N, C-alpha and C. Protein backbone atom coordinates (compact mmCIF):
# COMPACT_ATOMS: atom_id res chain seq x y z
N MET A 1 -43.70 119.26 19.40
CA MET A 1 -44.28 118.02 18.93
C MET A 1 -45.11 117.42 20.07
N SER A 2 -46.28 117.01 19.72
CA SER A 2 -47.15 116.42 20.73
C SER A 2 -47.04 114.89 20.67
N ILE A 3 -47.61 114.25 21.62
CA ILE A 3 -47.60 112.78 21.70
C ILE A 3 -48.36 112.18 20.52
N LEU A 4 -49.30 112.92 19.96
CA LEU A 4 -50.07 112.42 18.83
C LEU A 4 -49.26 112.38 17.54
N ASP A 5 -48.16 113.13 17.49
CA ASP A 5 -47.31 113.15 16.30
C ASP A 5 -46.31 112.00 16.27
N LEU A 6 -46.15 111.29 17.37
CA LEU A 6 -45.14 110.24 17.44
C LEU A 6 -45.34 109.12 16.41
N PRO A 7 -46.55 108.59 16.22
CA PRO A 7 -46.70 107.53 15.21
C PRO A 7 -46.32 107.99 13.81
N ARG A 8 -46.68 109.21 13.47
CA ARG A 8 -46.34 109.74 12.15
C ARG A 8 -44.83 109.93 12.03
N THR A 9 -44.20 110.45 13.07
CA THR A 9 -42.76 110.65 13.06
C THR A 9 -42.04 109.31 12.94
N TYR A 10 -42.50 108.31 13.67
CA TYR A 10 -41.89 106.99 13.60
C TYR A 10 -42.04 106.42 12.19
N GLY A 11 -43.21 106.58 11.59
CA GLY A 11 -43.43 106.10 10.23
C GLY A 11 -42.51 106.79 9.23
N ASN A 12 -42.30 108.09 9.41
CA ASN A 12 -41.41 108.83 8.53
C ASN A 12 -39.96 108.34 8.69
N LEU A 13 -39.54 108.12 9.91
CA LEU A 13 -38.18 107.62 10.14
C LEU A 13 -37.99 106.22 9.57
N LYS A 14 -39.01 105.41 9.68
CA LYS A 14 -38.96 104.06 9.15
C LYS A 14 -38.81 104.10 7.63
N ARG A 15 -39.58 104.95 6.97
CA ARG A 15 -39.49 105.08 5.51
C ARG A 15 -38.14 105.67 5.10
N PHE A 16 -37.66 106.64 5.86
CA PHE A 16 -36.36 107.25 5.60
C PHE A 16 -35.27 106.19 5.65
N ARG A 17 -35.34 105.32 6.64
CA ARG A 17 -34.36 104.24 6.76
C ARG A 17 -34.49 103.28 5.59
N GLU A 18 -35.70 102.98 5.17
CA GLU A 18 -35.91 102.08 4.03
C GLU A 18 -35.29 102.66 2.75
N ILE A 19 -35.45 103.96 2.55
CA ILE A 19 -34.87 104.62 1.39
C ILE A 19 -33.35 104.56 1.45
N ALA A 20 -32.79 104.83 2.61
CA ALA A 20 -31.34 104.81 2.78
C ALA A 20 -30.77 103.41 2.55
N VAL A 21 -31.43 102.40 3.07
CA VAL A 21 -30.96 101.02 2.90
C VAL A 21 -31.06 100.61 1.44
N THR A 22 -32.12 101.01 0.75
CA THR A 22 -32.27 100.68 -0.66
C THR A 22 -31.17 101.33 -1.49
N LEU A 23 -30.86 102.59 -1.19
CA LEU A 23 -29.76 103.26 -1.89
C LEU A 23 -28.45 102.53 -1.65
N ALA A 24 -28.20 102.13 -0.41
CA ALA A 24 -26.97 101.42 -0.08
C ALA A 24 -26.91 100.06 -0.77
N ARG A 25 -28.04 99.37 -0.81
CA ARG A 25 -28.08 98.04 -1.41
C ARG A 25 -27.72 98.08 -2.90
N HIS A 26 -28.05 99.18 -3.55
CA HIS A 26 -27.81 99.29 -4.99
C HIS A 26 -26.54 100.08 -5.32
N GLY A 27 -25.69 100.28 -4.34
CA GLY A 27 -24.38 100.85 -4.58
C GLY A 27 -24.31 102.37 -4.60
N PHE A 28 -25.25 103.04 -4.00
CA PHE A 28 -25.23 104.50 -3.94
C PHE A 28 -24.81 105.00 -2.56
N THR A 29 -23.84 104.32 -1.97
CA THR A 29 -23.38 104.71 -0.64
C THR A 29 -22.70 106.08 -0.66
N HIS A 30 -22.12 106.45 -1.80
CA HIS A 30 -21.47 107.76 -1.88
C HIS A 30 -22.48 108.89 -1.70
N ILE A 31 -23.71 108.69 -2.15
CA ILE A 31 -24.76 109.70 -1.95
C ILE A 31 -25.08 109.81 -0.47
N LEU A 32 -25.18 108.67 0.20
CA LEU A 32 -25.47 108.70 1.63
C LEU A 32 -24.36 109.41 2.39
N GLY A 33 -23.13 109.23 1.94
CA GLY A 33 -22.01 109.91 2.58
C GLY A 33 -22.02 111.41 2.35
N GLN A 34 -22.33 111.81 1.12
CA GLN A 34 -22.37 113.24 0.80
C GLN A 34 -23.48 113.96 1.55
N LEU A 35 -24.60 113.29 1.73
CA LEU A 35 -25.73 113.90 2.44
C LEU A 35 -25.64 113.71 3.95
N ARG A 36 -24.62 113.00 4.40
CA ARG A 36 -24.41 112.68 5.81
C ARG A 36 -25.62 111.97 6.42
N ILE A 37 -26.26 111.14 5.62
CA ILE A 37 -27.43 110.39 6.08
C ILE A 37 -27.01 109.32 7.09
N ARG A 38 -25.79 108.81 6.94
CA ARG A 38 -25.32 107.77 7.87
C ARG A 38 -25.33 108.26 9.32
N ASP A 39 -25.21 109.57 9.49
CA ASP A 39 -25.21 110.13 10.84
C ASP A 39 -26.59 110.03 11.49
N TYR A 40 -27.64 109.92 10.69
CA TYR A 40 -29.00 109.97 11.21
C TYR A 40 -29.71 108.63 11.21
N VAL A 41 -29.15 107.65 10.52
CA VAL A 41 -29.78 106.33 10.48
C VAL A 41 -28.88 105.35 11.23
N PRO A 42 -29.30 104.93 12.42
CA PRO A 42 -28.46 104.05 13.24
C PRO A 42 -28.16 102.73 12.53
N GLY A 43 -26.90 102.35 12.56
CA GLY A 43 -26.50 101.07 11.98
C GLY A 43 -26.30 101.08 10.49
N LEU A 44 -26.54 102.20 9.84
CA LEU A 44 -26.43 102.24 8.38
C LEU A 44 -24.98 102.11 7.92
N ALA A 45 -24.05 102.69 8.64
CA ALA A 45 -22.64 102.59 8.25
C ALA A 45 -22.19 101.13 8.26
N ARG A 46 -22.59 100.40 9.28
CA ARG A 46 -22.24 98.98 9.39
C ARG A 46 -22.92 98.19 8.27
N LEU A 47 -24.16 98.54 7.98
CA LEU A 47 -24.90 97.85 6.93
C LEU A 47 -24.30 98.11 5.56
N THR A 48 -23.87 99.33 5.29
CA THR A 48 -23.28 99.63 3.99
C THR A 48 -21.97 98.87 3.79
N LEU A 49 -21.19 98.73 4.85
CA LEU A 49 -19.97 97.93 4.75
C LEU A 49 -20.29 96.47 4.45
N ALA A 50 -21.29 95.94 5.12
CA ALA A 50 -21.67 94.54 4.90
C ALA A 50 -22.20 94.35 3.49
N LEU A 51 -22.99 95.28 3.00
CA LEU A 51 -23.53 95.17 1.64
C LEU A 51 -22.43 95.30 0.60
N ARG A 52 -21.48 96.18 0.85
CA ARG A 52 -20.39 96.38 -0.11
C ARG A 52 -19.54 95.12 -0.23
N GLU A 53 -19.28 94.46 0.89
CA GLU A 53 -18.49 93.23 0.85
C GLU A 53 -19.28 92.08 0.25
N LYS A 54 -20.58 92.04 0.50
CA LYS A 54 -21.41 90.92 0.08
C LYS A 54 -21.71 90.97 -1.42
N ASP A 55 -22.02 92.14 -1.94
CA ASP A 55 -22.52 92.25 -3.30
C ASP A 55 -21.48 92.93 -4.20
N GLU A 56 -20.65 92.13 -4.84
CA GLU A 56 -19.67 92.68 -5.76
C GLU A 56 -20.26 92.87 -7.14
N SER A 57 -21.46 92.36 -7.40
CA SER A 57 -22.08 92.47 -8.73
C SER A 57 -22.61 93.87 -9.00
N VAL A 58 -22.64 94.75 -8.00
CA VAL A 58 -23.13 96.11 -8.19
C VAL A 58 -22.28 96.83 -9.22
N GLY A 59 -20.97 96.58 -9.22
CA GLY A 59 -20.08 97.24 -10.16
C GLY A 59 -20.30 96.81 -11.60
N GLU A 60 -20.92 95.66 -11.81
CA GLU A 60 -21.16 95.16 -13.15
C GLU A 60 -22.37 95.79 -13.81
N ILE A 61 -23.24 96.41 -13.04
CA ILE A 61 -24.47 97.01 -13.55
C ILE A 61 -24.24 98.50 -13.73
N SER A 62 -24.75 99.05 -14.84
CA SER A 62 -24.55 100.47 -15.11
C SER A 62 -25.32 101.33 -14.09
N THR A 63 -24.86 102.55 -13.93
CA THR A 63 -25.50 103.47 -12.98
C THR A 63 -26.97 103.73 -13.33
N PRO A 64 -27.31 103.98 -14.61
CA PRO A 64 -28.75 104.18 -14.91
C PRO A 64 -29.61 102.97 -14.56
N GLU A 65 -29.08 101.77 -14.78
CA GLU A 65 -29.82 100.56 -14.45
C GLU A 65 -30.00 100.43 -12.93
N ARG A 66 -28.95 100.74 -12.19
CA ARG A 66 -29.06 100.68 -10.72
C ARG A 66 -30.06 101.71 -10.21
N LEU A 67 -30.06 102.91 -10.81
CA LEU A 67 -31.02 103.94 -10.40
C LEU A 67 -32.44 103.49 -10.69
N ALA A 68 -32.65 102.87 -11.84
CA ALA A 68 -33.98 102.35 -12.18
C ALA A 68 -34.42 101.29 -11.17
N ARG A 69 -33.50 100.45 -10.75
CA ARG A 69 -33.84 99.41 -9.76
C ARG A 69 -34.18 100.02 -8.40
N VAL A 70 -33.44 101.08 -8.02
CA VAL A 70 -33.75 101.76 -6.76
C VAL A 70 -35.17 102.31 -6.81
N LEU A 71 -35.50 102.99 -7.90
CA LEU A 71 -36.83 103.58 -8.01
C LEU A 71 -37.92 102.51 -8.02
N GLN A 72 -37.67 101.38 -8.68
CA GLN A 72 -38.64 100.29 -8.67
C GLN A 72 -38.82 99.72 -7.28
N ASP A 73 -37.73 99.53 -6.56
CA ASP A 73 -37.81 98.97 -5.20
C ASP A 73 -38.56 99.88 -4.24
N LEU A 74 -38.47 101.20 -4.47
CA LEU A 74 -39.09 102.15 -3.55
C LEU A 74 -40.56 102.40 -3.82
N GLY A 75 -41.06 101.97 -4.98
CA GLY A 75 -42.50 102.02 -5.19
C GLY A 75 -42.96 103.02 -6.25
N ALA A 76 -44.27 103.10 -6.37
CA ALA A 76 -44.92 103.84 -7.45
C ALA A 76 -44.59 105.33 -7.44
N THR A 77 -44.54 105.94 -6.30
CA THR A 77 -44.24 107.37 -6.24
C THR A 77 -42.84 107.65 -6.77
N PHE A 78 -41.89 106.81 -6.43
CA PHE A 78 -40.53 107.00 -6.91
C PHE A 78 -40.42 106.68 -8.39
N ILE A 79 -41.19 105.73 -8.89
CA ILE A 79 -41.21 105.45 -10.33
C ILE A 79 -41.71 106.67 -11.08
N THR A 80 -42.77 107.28 -10.59
CA THR A 80 -43.30 108.49 -11.20
C THR A 80 -42.28 109.62 -11.15
N PHE A 81 -41.58 109.73 -10.04
CA PHE A 81 -40.52 110.73 -9.92
C PHE A 81 -39.43 110.47 -10.95
N GLY A 82 -39.06 109.21 -11.16
CA GLY A 82 -38.07 108.85 -12.17
C GLY A 82 -38.53 109.19 -13.57
N GLN A 83 -39.82 108.98 -13.85
CA GLN A 83 -40.36 109.34 -15.16
C GLN A 83 -40.32 110.85 -15.36
N LEU A 84 -40.59 111.58 -14.32
CA LEU A 84 -40.53 113.03 -14.40
C LEU A 84 -39.08 113.49 -14.65
N MET A 85 -38.13 112.88 -13.95
CA MET A 85 -36.73 113.24 -14.15
C MET A 85 -36.27 112.89 -15.56
N ALA A 86 -36.82 111.81 -16.15
CA ALA A 86 -36.42 111.41 -17.50
C ALA A 86 -36.82 112.42 -18.55
N THR A 87 -37.79 113.27 -18.25
CA THR A 87 -38.20 114.29 -19.20
C THR A 87 -37.29 115.51 -19.16
N ARG A 88 -36.34 115.53 -18.24
CA ARG A 88 -35.44 116.68 -18.06
C ARG A 88 -34.00 116.27 -18.39
N PRO A 89 -33.62 116.35 -19.67
CA PRO A 89 -32.24 115.94 -20.03
C PRO A 89 -31.18 116.86 -19.43
N ASP A 90 -31.56 118.04 -18.95
CA ASP A 90 -30.58 118.89 -18.30
C ASP A 90 -30.26 118.41 -16.89
N LEU A 91 -31.14 117.59 -16.30
CA LEU A 91 -30.90 117.03 -14.97
C LEU A 91 -30.31 115.63 -15.03
N ILE A 92 -30.87 114.80 -15.89
CA ILE A 92 -30.47 113.40 -16.02
C ILE A 92 -30.04 113.16 -17.45
N PRO A 93 -28.84 112.62 -17.69
CA PRO A 93 -28.40 112.35 -19.07
C PRO A 93 -29.29 111.28 -19.73
N PRO A 94 -29.34 111.25 -21.06
CA PRO A 94 -30.21 110.31 -21.77
C PRO A 94 -29.99 108.84 -21.41
N ALA A 95 -28.77 108.45 -21.09
CA ALA A 95 -28.52 107.05 -20.74
C ALA A 95 -29.35 106.63 -19.56
């Protein structure tokens, strides 16, 4: 990696952290644990604990609704990805 790649790498890490925090905020901490993402994003374990204690309303919202909110929060590319996944009932159930 050259010095010229550092801004791009930093931008990628910043976006990666944003994705991880958004997943945690909407109650998908189990995914972060399974993928061991907490090991690579500093402070994420502490943040997920704080979010879990703060937001008890996550349990009141259905999983498909929470997934839709995650995709909306992450932007247009993720919304398009969600639309693509919705066309595959073998990957994502109809709900």
